[in-house]
Amino acid sequence: MHRLLESDATLRHELAEAFGPGVLDSAGGVRRERLRGIAFESEPARRTLEALIHPRVRAEWQPLARAARETSTLHLFDIPLLYETGAEMEFERVLVVACSPQEQRRRLRENRSLAPELIERMISAQLDLPAKVARADHVIWNDGSPAWLTAQAKRFADYLLSIWTTQPTQP
């Protein structure tokens, strides 16, 4: 999404039209913190933002997913709102990387400097964690350090490669 906000001038114009010129900086770039604050002030504002962004994001990954299926190529996608956008049906397997609610809140507060009220609005706009975990094919629990997560991701990638190379080629 970051690249999309930087590269799509039409999207930036539409965001300014929908949320006011204050969501853009003097160079025409998106003031993400301002846009985030507006989008999570109300359900209609968030839905407007999603209606502008989600189709564009989907248009970027969907052809890659289709090509991976058609060629039986292993391809990994990072889609934060996968279940919320109904996109899980596009994929053979879904991995959810999860952490405790306390850790999630701590990271949002410390890494993004978000206010507690905004954090709660952002979390409540998502499918709850137990539902995501229940729907996932695989789960990595991520309450640890970045190095621990990297090790778990590598282990999972090795697992995927091992089962991928032993499966018969699909048409």
Protein backbone atom coordinates (compact mmCIF):
# COMPACT_ATOMS: atom_id res chain seq x y z
CA MET A 1 0.00 0.00 0.00
CA HIS A 2 2.85 2.41 0.73
CA ARG A 3 4.12 2.11 -2.84
CA LEU A 4 0.61 2.60 -4.17
CA LEU A 5 0.17 5.80 -2.17
CA GLU A 6 3.46 7.08 -3.57
CA SER A 7 2.97 6.07 -7.19
CA ASP A 8 -0.75 6.60 -7.88
CA ALA A 9 -1.44 10.31 -8.39
CA THR A 10 -5.10 9.61 -9.16
CA LEU A 11 -5.50 7.86 -5.82
CA ARG A 12 -3.86 10.76 -3.99
CA HIS A 13 -6.25 13.16 -5.74
CA GLU A 14 -9.24 10.98 -4.79
CA LEU A 15 -8.06 10.82 -1.17
CA ALA A 16 -7.80 14.61 -1.04
CA GLU A 17 -11.29 14.90 -2.58
CA ALA A 18 -12.76 12.46 -0.06
CA PHE A 19 -10.92 13.53 3.09
CA GLY A 20 -9.78 17.09 2.39
CA PRO A 21 -6.51 18.57 1.16
CA GLY A 22 -4.98 18.20 4.63
CA VAL A 23 -4.30 14.52 3.92
CA LEU A 24 -1.59 15.62 1.45
CA ASP A 25 1.66 17.33 2.30
CA SER A 26 3.06 20.33 0.41
CA ALA A 27 4.75 18.01 -2.12
CA GLY A 28 1.50 16.14 -2.80
CA GLY A 29 2.43 13.05 -0.80
CA VAL A 30 -0.01 11.38 1.54
CA ARG A 31 0.21 12.32 5.19
CA ARG A 32 -0.48 8.77 6.34
CA GLU A 33 -0.86 9.66 10.02
CA ARG A 34 -3.49 12.29 9.16
CA LEU A 35 -5.33 9.95 6.78
CA ARG A 36 -5.26 7.15 9.37
CA GLY A 37 -6.69 9.46 12.02
CA ILE A 38 -9.55 10.57 9.77
CA ALA A 39 -10.28 7.09 8.47
CA PHE A 40 -10.63 5.62 11.94
CA GLU A 41 -12.80 8.44 13.31
CA SER A 42 -15.90 6.88 11.79
CA GLU A 43 -17.09 3.75 10.03
CA PRO A 44 -18.19 5.68 6.89
CA ALA A 45 -14.76 7.33 6.61
CA ARG A 46 -12.99 3.99 6.93
CA ARG A 47 -15.29 2.42 4.35
CA THR A 48 -14.58 5.30 1.97
CA LEU A 49 -10.84 4.79 2.36
CA GLU A 50 -11.20 1.04 1.84
CA ALA A 51 -13.33 1.59 -1.28
CA LEU A 52 -10.57 3.75 -2.75
CA ILE A 53 -7.61 1.56 -1.81
CA HIS A 54 -8.70 -2.09 -1.74
CA PRO A 55 -9.64 -2.42 -5.43
CA ARG A 56 -6.25 -1.00 -6.43
CA VAL A 57 -4.36 -3.27 -4.06
CA ARG A 58 -6.32 -6.28 -5.29
CA ALA A 59 -5.62 -5.31 -8.90
CA GLU A 60 -1.91 -5.54 -8.12
CA TRP A 61 -1.79 -8.92 -6.42
CA GLN A 62 -4.64 -10.75 -8.16
CA PRO A 63 -2.89 -11.25 -11.54
CA LEU A 64 0.19 -12.54 -9.70
CA ALA A 65 -1.95 -14.99 -7.71
CA ARG A 66 -3.71 -16.15 -10.88
CA ALA A 67 -0.39 -16.66 -12.68
CA ALA A 68 1.00 -18.62 -9.71
CA ARG A 69 -2.04 -20.93 -9.76
CA GLU A 70 -1.89 -21.41 -13.52
CA THR A 71 1.81 -22.27 -13.48
CA SER A 72 1.80 -24.14 -10.15
CA THR A 73 4.41 -21.71 -8.90
CA LEU A 74 4.89 -21.07 -5.21
CA HIS A 75 4.20 -17.41 -4.50
CA LEU A 76 3.74 -15.70 -1.13
CA PHE A 77 1.56 -12.64 -0.49
CA ASP A 78 1.32 -10.38 2.55
CA ILE A 79 -2.28 -9.19 2.76
CA PRO A 80 -3.09 -7.69 6.17
CA LEU A 81 -6.89 -7.53 5.64
CA LEU A 82 -7.17 -10.84 3.80
CA TYR A 83 -10.25 -12.11 5.63
CA GLU A 84 -11.87 -8.69 5.91
CA THR A 85 -11.75 -8.29 2.12
CA GLY A 86 -12.89 -11.85 1.39
CA ALA A 87 -9.71 -12.63 -0.52
CA GLU A 88 -8.77 -15.85 1.26
CA MET A 89 -10.52 -17.92 -1.42
CA GLU A 90 -7.83 -16.83 -3.90
CA PHE A 91 -5.16 -18.82 -2.06
CA GLU A 92 -4.40 -22.46 -1.47
CA ARG A 93 -3.08 -21.84 2.03
CA VAL A 94 -3.29 -19.01 4.54
CA LEU A 95 -0.73 -18.26 7.22
CA VAL A 96 -1.70 -15.91 10.03
CA VAL A 97 1.09 -14.27 11.99
CA ALA A 98 -0.44 -13.46 15.35
CA CYS A 99 0.57 -12.05 18.70
CA SER A 100 -1.13 -11.45 22.00
CA PRO A 101 -3.46 -8.44 22.20
CA GLN A 102 -1.14 -6.84 24.74
CA GLU A 103 1.85 -7.21 22.40
CA GLN A 104 -0.13 -5.89 19.45
CA ARG A 105 -1.11 -2.78 21.39
CA ARG A 106 2.43 -2.29 22.68
CA ARG A 107 3.89 -2.48 19.18
CA LEU A 108 1.37 -0.06 17.73
CA ARG A 109 2.01 2.35 20.59
CA GLU A 110 5.81 2.09 20.55
CA ASN A 111 6.61 1.45 16.87
CA ARG A 112 4.03 3.76 15.31
CA SER A 113 3.49 6.18 18.19
CA LEU A 114 -0.27 5.74 18.01
CA ALA A 115 -2.65 6.95 20.68
CA PRO A 116 -4.48 4.28 22.70
CA GLU A 117 -7.89 5.40 21.37
CA LEU A 118 -6.75 5.09 17.75
CA ILE A 119 -5.21 1.69 18.46
CA GLU A 120 -8.52 0.44 19.83
CA ARG A 121 -10.46 1.77 16.82
CA MET A 122 -7.99 0.13 14.43
CA ILE A 123 -8.14 -3.23 16.19
CA SER A 124 -11.94 -3.19 16.44
CA ALA A 125 -12.17 -2.58 12.67
CA GLN A 126 -10.46 -5.92 12.02
CA LEU A 127 -11.71 -9.46 12.29
CA ASP A 128 -10.88 -10.60 15.80
CA LEU A 129 -7.74 -12.64 16.29
CA PRO A 130 -9.38 -15.91 17.43
CA ALA A 131 -11.48 -15.91 14.23
CA LYS A 132 -8.40 -15.32 12.05
CA VAL A 133 -6.48 -18.07 13.81
CA ALA A 134 -9.43 -20.47 13.49
CA ARG A 135 -9.71 -19.83 9.75
CA ALA A 136 -5.98 -20.06 9.02
CA ASP A 137 -4.24 -23.12 7.65
CA HIS A 138 -1.08 -22.21 9.57
CA VAL A 139 -0.26 -19.86 12.45
CA ILE A 140 3.01 -18.37 13.62
CA TRP A 141 2.81 -16.91 17.10
CA ASN A 142 4.85 -13.72 17.18
CA ASP A 143 5.26 -12.42 20.71
CA GLY A 144 9.03 -12.73 20.37
CA SER A 145 11.82 -10.68 18.88
CA PRO A 146 12.23 -9.86 15.18
CA ALA A 147 15.03 -12.45 15.05
CA TRP A 148 12.69 -15.10 16.46
CA LEU A 149 10.04 -14.22 13.86
CA THR A 150 12.63 -14.41 11.08
CA ALA A 151 13.63 -17.88 12.27
CA GLN A 152 9.98 -18.99 12.37
CA ALA A 153 9.32 -17.55 8.91
CA LYS A 154 12.35 -19.39 7.52
CA ARG A 155 11.19 -22.62 9.14
CA PHE A 156 7.73 -22.17 7.63
CA ALA A 157 9.21 -21.36 4.21
CA ASP A 158 11.30 -24.55 4.40
CA TYR A 159 8.15 -26.49 5.27
CA LEU A 160 6.27 -24.99 2.32
CA LEU A 161 9.10 -25.78 -0.05
CA SER A 162 9.28 -29.35 1.21
CA ILE A 163 5.59 -30.04 0.64
CA TRP A 164 5.50 -28.04 -2.59
CA THR A 165 8.26 -30.06 -4.19
CA THR A 166 6.65 -33.37 -3.19
CA GLN A 167 3.18 -32.56 -4.55
CA PRO A 168 2.32 -33.62 -8.09
CA THR A 169 2.35 -30.80 -10.63
CA GLN A 170 -1.07 -29.30 -11.12
CA PRO A 171 -2.43 -28.45 -14.57
